Protein backbone atom coordinates (compact mmCIF):
# COMPACT_ATOMS: atom_id res chain seq x y z
CA UNK A 1 -0.05 -0.02 -0.03
CA UNK A 2 2.85 2.33 0.98
CA UNK A 3 4.86 1.38 -2.12
CA UNK A 4 2.00 2.00 -4.34
CA UNK A 5 1.25 5.39 -2.71
CA UNK A 6 4.93 6.37 -3.12
CA UNK A 7 5.10 5.43 -6.87
CA UNK A 8 2.05 7.49 -7.59
CA UNK A 9 3.25 10.56 -5.72
CA UNK A 10 6.45 10.27 -7.43
CA UNK A 11 4.74 9.95 -10.76
CA UNK A 12 2.69 13.05 -10.16
CA UNK A 13 5.52 14.89 -8.93
CA UNK A 14 7.67 14.04 -11.95
CA UNK A 15 4.68 15.07 -14.25
CA UNK A 16 4.39 18.37 -12.43
CA UNK A 17 8.19 19.13 -12.68
CA UNK A 18 8.11 18.17 -16.41
CA UNK A 19 5.14 20.41 -17.06
CA UNK A 20 6.79 23.35 -15.27
CA UNK A 21 10.13 22.76 -17.13
CA UNK A 22 8.28 22.63 -20.47
CA UNK A 23 6.29 25.87 -19.71
CA UNK A 24 9.20 27.82 -18.33
CA UNK A 25 12.41 26.85 -20.03
CA UNK A 26 14.81 29.78 -20.73
CA UNK A 27 17.59 29.74 -23.22
CA UNK A 28 20.87 31.12 -21.99
CA UNK A 29 23.49 31.72 -24.70
CA UNK A 30 26.44 29.25 -23.97
CA UNK A 31 28.93 32.03 -25.07
CA UNK A 32 27.53 34.22 -22.34
CA UNK A 33 28.25 31.56 -19.67
CA UNK A 34 31.58 30.99 -21.11
CA UNK A 35 32.94 34.48 -21.89
CA UNK A 36 31.25 36.75 -19.24
CA UNK A 37 34.43 37.03 -17.35
CA UNK A 38 36.31 37.94 -20.53
CA UNK A 39 33.85 40.73 -21.06
CA UNK A 40 34.59 41.94 -17.35
CA UNK A 41 31.05 41.37 -16.25
CA UNK A 42 30.45 40.93 -12.48
CA UNK A 43 28.29 38.06 -11.16
CA UNK A 44 25.57 40.57 -10.38
CA UNK A 45 25.55 42.17 -13.94
CA UNK A 46 25.53 38.59 -15.38
CA UNK A 47 22.61 37.67 -13.21
CA UNK A 48 20.77 40.82 -14.23
CA UNK A 49 21.30 39.77 -17.91
CA UNK A 50 20.10 36.38 -17.26
CA UNK A 51 17.01 37.68 -15.55
CA UNK A 52 16.21 40.08 -18.47
CA UNK A 53 16.40 37.12 -20.79
CA UNK A 54 14.11 35.04 -18.42
CA UNK A 55 11.43 37.86 -18.31
CA UNK A 56 11.53 38.19 -22.09
CA UNK A 57 11.34 34.50 -23.09
CA UNK A 58 9.17 33.00 -20.17
CA UNK A 59 6.95 36.03 -19.46
CA UNK A 60 6.96 38.07 -22.62
CA UNK A 61 7.92 40.98 -20.59
CA UNK A 62 10.66 43.05 -22.28
CA UNK A 63 10.81 45.82 -19.75
CA UNK A 64 10.53 44.43 -16.20
CA UNK A 65 10.47 46.99 -13.36
CA UNK A 66 13.42 47.42 -10.96
CA UNK A 67 11.21 45.95 -8.12
CA UNK A 68 10.71 42.87 -10.11
CA UNK A 69 14.44 42.48 -10.87
CA UNK A 70 15.35 43.25 -7.26
CA UNK A 71 12.96 40.52 -5.96
CA UNK A 72 14.63 38.03 -8.42
CA UNK A 73 18.31 38.99 -7.74
CA UNK A 74 18.18 39.99 -4.16
CA UNK A 75 19.92 43.20 -4.32
CA UNK A 76 19.15 46.94 -3.60
CA UNK A 77 17.85 49.61 -6.02
CA UNK A 78 21.31 51.38 -5.96
CA UNK A 79 23.01 48.05 -7.01
CA UNK A 80 20.48 47.53 -9.83
CA UNK A 81 21.24 51.21 -10.94
CA UNK A 82 24.97 50.71 -11.05
CA UNK A 83 24.55 47.30 -13.11
CA UNK A 84 22.35 49.18 -15.52
CA UNK A 85 24.62 52.10 -15.74
CA UNK A 86 27.78 50.13 -16.59
CA UNK A 87 25.89 47.82 -19.09
CA UNK A 88 24.41 50.72 -20.93
CA UNK A 89 27.63 52.77 -20.77
CA UNK A 90 29.66 49.89 -22.32
CA UNK A 91 27.14 49.05 -24.92
CA UNK A 92 25.85 45.66 -23.61
CA UNK A 93 22.42 47.02 -23.30
CA UNK A 94 20.16 49.79 -24.40
CA UNK A 95 16.50 50.87 -24.06
CA UNK A 96 14.41 51.30 -27.03
CA UNK A 97 11.15 53.11 -27.39
CA UNK A 98 8.80 51.22 -29.73
CA UNK A 99 5.31 52.25 -31.18
CA UNK A 100 2.69 49.56 -31.58
CA UNK A 101 1.41 49.68 -35.15
CA UNK A 102 -2.19 48.87 -34.28
CA UNK A 103 -2.73 51.17 -31.19
CA UNK A 104 0.05 53.73 -31.71
CA UNK A 105 0.88 53.30 -27.99
CA UNK A 106 4.61 53.70 -27.22
CA UNK A 107 6.33 51.29 -24.89
CA UNK A 108 9.91 50.72 -23.80
CA UNK A 109 12.00 47.43 -24.08
CA UNK A 110 15.49 46.45 -23.27
CA UNK A 111 17.70 45.70 -26.13
CA UNK A 112 20.45 43.04 -25.85
CA UNK A 113 22.00 43.41 -29.39
CA UNK A 114 25.12 45.03 -28.03
CA UNK A 115 25.69 41.92 -25.75
CA UNK A 116 25.26 39.61 -28.59
CA UNK A 117 27.86 41.50 -30.74
CA UNK A 118 30.38 41.53 -27.96
CA UNK A 119 29.76 37.70 -27.53
CA UNK A 120 30.21 37.23 -31.23
CA UNK A 121 33.56 39.09 -31.14
CA UNK A 122 34.66 36.82 -28.20
CA UNK A 123 33.85 33.74 -30.33
CA UNK A 124 35.67 34.82 -33.54
CA UNK A 125 39.10 33.42 -32.40
CA UNK A 126 37.44 30.12 -31.76
CA UNK A 127 35.88 29.83 -35.18
CA UNK A 128 38.61 30.92 -37.31
CA UNK A 129 42.14 29.59 -38.34
CA UNK A 130 43.74 33.01 -39.04
CA UNK A 131 47.03 34.05 -37.77
CA UNK A 132 47.72 34.66 -34.10
CA UNK A 133 48.10 38.42 -34.82
CA UNK A 134 44.50 38.42 -36.06
CA UNK A 135 43.24 36.54 -33.14
CA UNK A 136 44.87 38.99 -30.70
CA UNK A 137 42.68 41.83 -32.03
CA UNK A 138 39.64 40.05 -30.30
CA UNK A 139 41.22 37.98 -27.47
CA UNK A 140 42.30 39.30 -24.21
CA UNK A 141 41.53 42.98 -25.13
CA UNK A 142 38.55 44.01 -23.06
CA UNK A 143 39.28 47.73 -23.46
CA UNK A 144 39.09 47.38 -27.21
CA UNK A 145 35.89 45.25 -27.24
CA UNK A 146 34.14 47.45 -24.70
CA UNK A 147 35.08 50.90 -26.31
CA UNK A 148 35.38 53.61 -23.81
CA UNK A 149 37.00 52.41 -20.57
CA UNK A 150 34.91 52.43 -17.38
CA UNK A 151 34.95 55.61 -15.26
CA UNK A 152 35.90 55.17 -11.65
CA UNK A 153 32.91 53.51 -9.94
CA UNK A 154 33.11 55.96 -6.96
CA UNK A 155 32.54 58.96 -9.16
CA UNK A 156 29.56 57.48 -10.95
CA UNK A 157 28.09 56.27 -7.68
CA UNK A 158 28.47 59.67 -6.29
CA UNK A 159 26.83 61.51 -9.18
CA UNK A 160 23.82 59.03 -9.33
CA UNK A 161 23.54 59.11 -5.54
CA UNK A 162 23.37 63.00 -5.46
CA UNK A 163 20.57 62.93 -8.01
CA UNK A 164 18.62 60.29 -6.10
CA UNK A 165 19.05 62.52 -2.94
CA UNK A 166 17.69 65.57 -4.67
CA UNK A 167 14.77 63.80 -6.45
CA UNK A 168 13.86 61.88 -3.21
CA UNK A 169 13.64 58.52 -5.13
CA UNK A 170 15.64 55.93 -6.90
CA UNK A 171 16.51 56.77 -10.53
CA UNK A 172 14.74 54.85 -13.33
CA UNK A 173 16.71 53.11 -16.03
CA UNK A 174 16.01 55.89 -18.53
CA UNK A 175 17.32 58.48 -16.07
CA UNK A 176 20.43 56.47 -15.40
CA UNK A 177 20.96 56.31 -19.24
CA UNK A 178 20.48 60.16 -19.45
CA UNK A 179 23.09 60.92 -16.85
CA UNK A 180 25.47 58.38 -18.54
CA UNK A 181 24.79 60.03 -21.91
CA UNK A 182 25.57 63.51 -20.58
CA UNK A 183 28.97 62.25 -19.34
CA UNK A 184 29.92 59.83 -22.13
CA UNK A 185 28.38 61.28 -25.28
CA UNK A 186 27.88 65.07 -24.61
CA UNK A 187 31.08 65.21 -22.56
CA UNK A 188 29.72 67.38 -19.83
CA UNK A 189 31.87 67.83 -16.80
CA UNK A 190 30.47 66.33 -13.70
CA UNK A 191 30.66 69.89 -12.05
CA UNK A 192 28.40 71.21 -14.82
CA UNK A 193 25.88 68.46 -14.42
CA UNK A 194 25.74 69.05 -10.66
CA UNK A 195 25.46 72.90 -11.24
CA UNK A 196 22.46 72.27 -13.71
CA UNK A 197 20.88 70.19 -11.02
CA UNK A 198 21.42 72.88 -8.33
CA UNK A 199 19.83 75.46 -10.82
CA UNK A 200 16.75 73.08 -11.34
CA UNK A 201 16.37 72.68 -7.54
CA UNK A 202 16.41 76.44 -7.00
CA UNK A 203 13.95 76.99 -9.78
CA UNK A 204 11.61 74.31 -8.38
CA UNK A 205 11.78 72.32 -11.63
CA UNK A 206 13.51 69.13 -10.48
CA UNK A 207 13.04 66.96 -13.79
CA UNK A 208 15.43 65.81 -16.36
CA UNK A 209 14.04 67.71 -19.25
CA UNK A 210 14.65 71.02 -17.40
CA UNK A 211 18.19 69.97 -16.43
CA UNK A 212 18.88 68.82 -20.04
CA UNK A 213 17.72 72.23 -21.36
CA UNK A 214 20.07 73.95 -19.05
CA UNK A 215 23.03 71.90 -20.12
CA UNK A 216 22.03 72.46 -23.79
CA UNK A 217 21.80 76.13 -23.26
CA UNK A 218 25.15 76.30 -21.59
CA UNK A 219 26.72 74.22 -24.43
CA UNK A 220 25.36 76.54 -27.09
CA UNK A 221 27.00 79.49 -25.18
CA UNK A 222 30.33 77.70 -24.67
CA UNK A 223 29.91 77.12 -21.04
CA UNK A 224 32.66 74.57 -20.40
CA UNK A 225 33.14 74.64 -16.59
CA UNK A 226 31.81 76.06 -13.33
CA UNK A 227 33.41 79.45 -13.69
CA UNK A 228 32.01 79.77 -17.31
CA UNK A 229 28.63 78.99 -15.85
CA UNK A 230 28.84 81.68 -13.14
CA UNK A 231 29.92 84.18 -15.67
CA UNK A 232 27.24 83.25 -18.05
CA UNK A 233 24.62 83.48 -15.30
CA UNK A 234 25.79 87.02 -14.44
CA UNK A 235 25.57 88.12 -18.00
CA UNK A 236 22.17 86.51 -18.49
CA UNK A 237 20.70 88.18 -15.24
CA UNK A 238 22.35 91.42 -16.13
CA UNK A 239 20.69 91.52 -19.60
CA UNK A 240 23.94 90.98 -21.51
CA UNK A 241 23.00 87.53 -22.85
CA UNK A 242 25.05 86.90 -26.02
């Protein structure tokens, strides 16, 4: 009697596990598991990428919230922000805005094309019989593969933390990407970004569009540092705007 019950329970358990595995299998590229250290990804960044793949494949969710990712990974919002910042800065990940053709509703999604390109670059030496000199171009050169070298983590953390303190909340992925873009693409100095934030706080307009307009206005008027910003403000308030 007991043996029969055990066999039945085992069969039911196995059937349930098989159903769960069939309904929720997620494909993780083997190249990612093999080369993530070569790409200088931390375990936390690796786990974040795997969770993004899991949300997309198993749940058809291409833009999970930070809360959902935190619950899966077991880390803080600040850690999630730092992971996203590095991954977007180094070209592993980007955020696309897409419009639904039927409803014309816009939505956001994470794009991992950059990650796949980097993995393909890592695989080239394994798939070719070219000379060693050609292989060196792709093997063991993380700075070349990643493009711009990573800024000191302490500086990034400081800049993001200051923004979160002034905003009174964690930054969103888009906001992290905006700050990263100011630094890496627009080449704004950190002191200028913080001055623009300060101006926005004083004006009571603490939002990214207003800060971006300040930085753009300064750029158009050749404001390059804190001293330039002070001189420009004096001219502007004195009616001598050029």
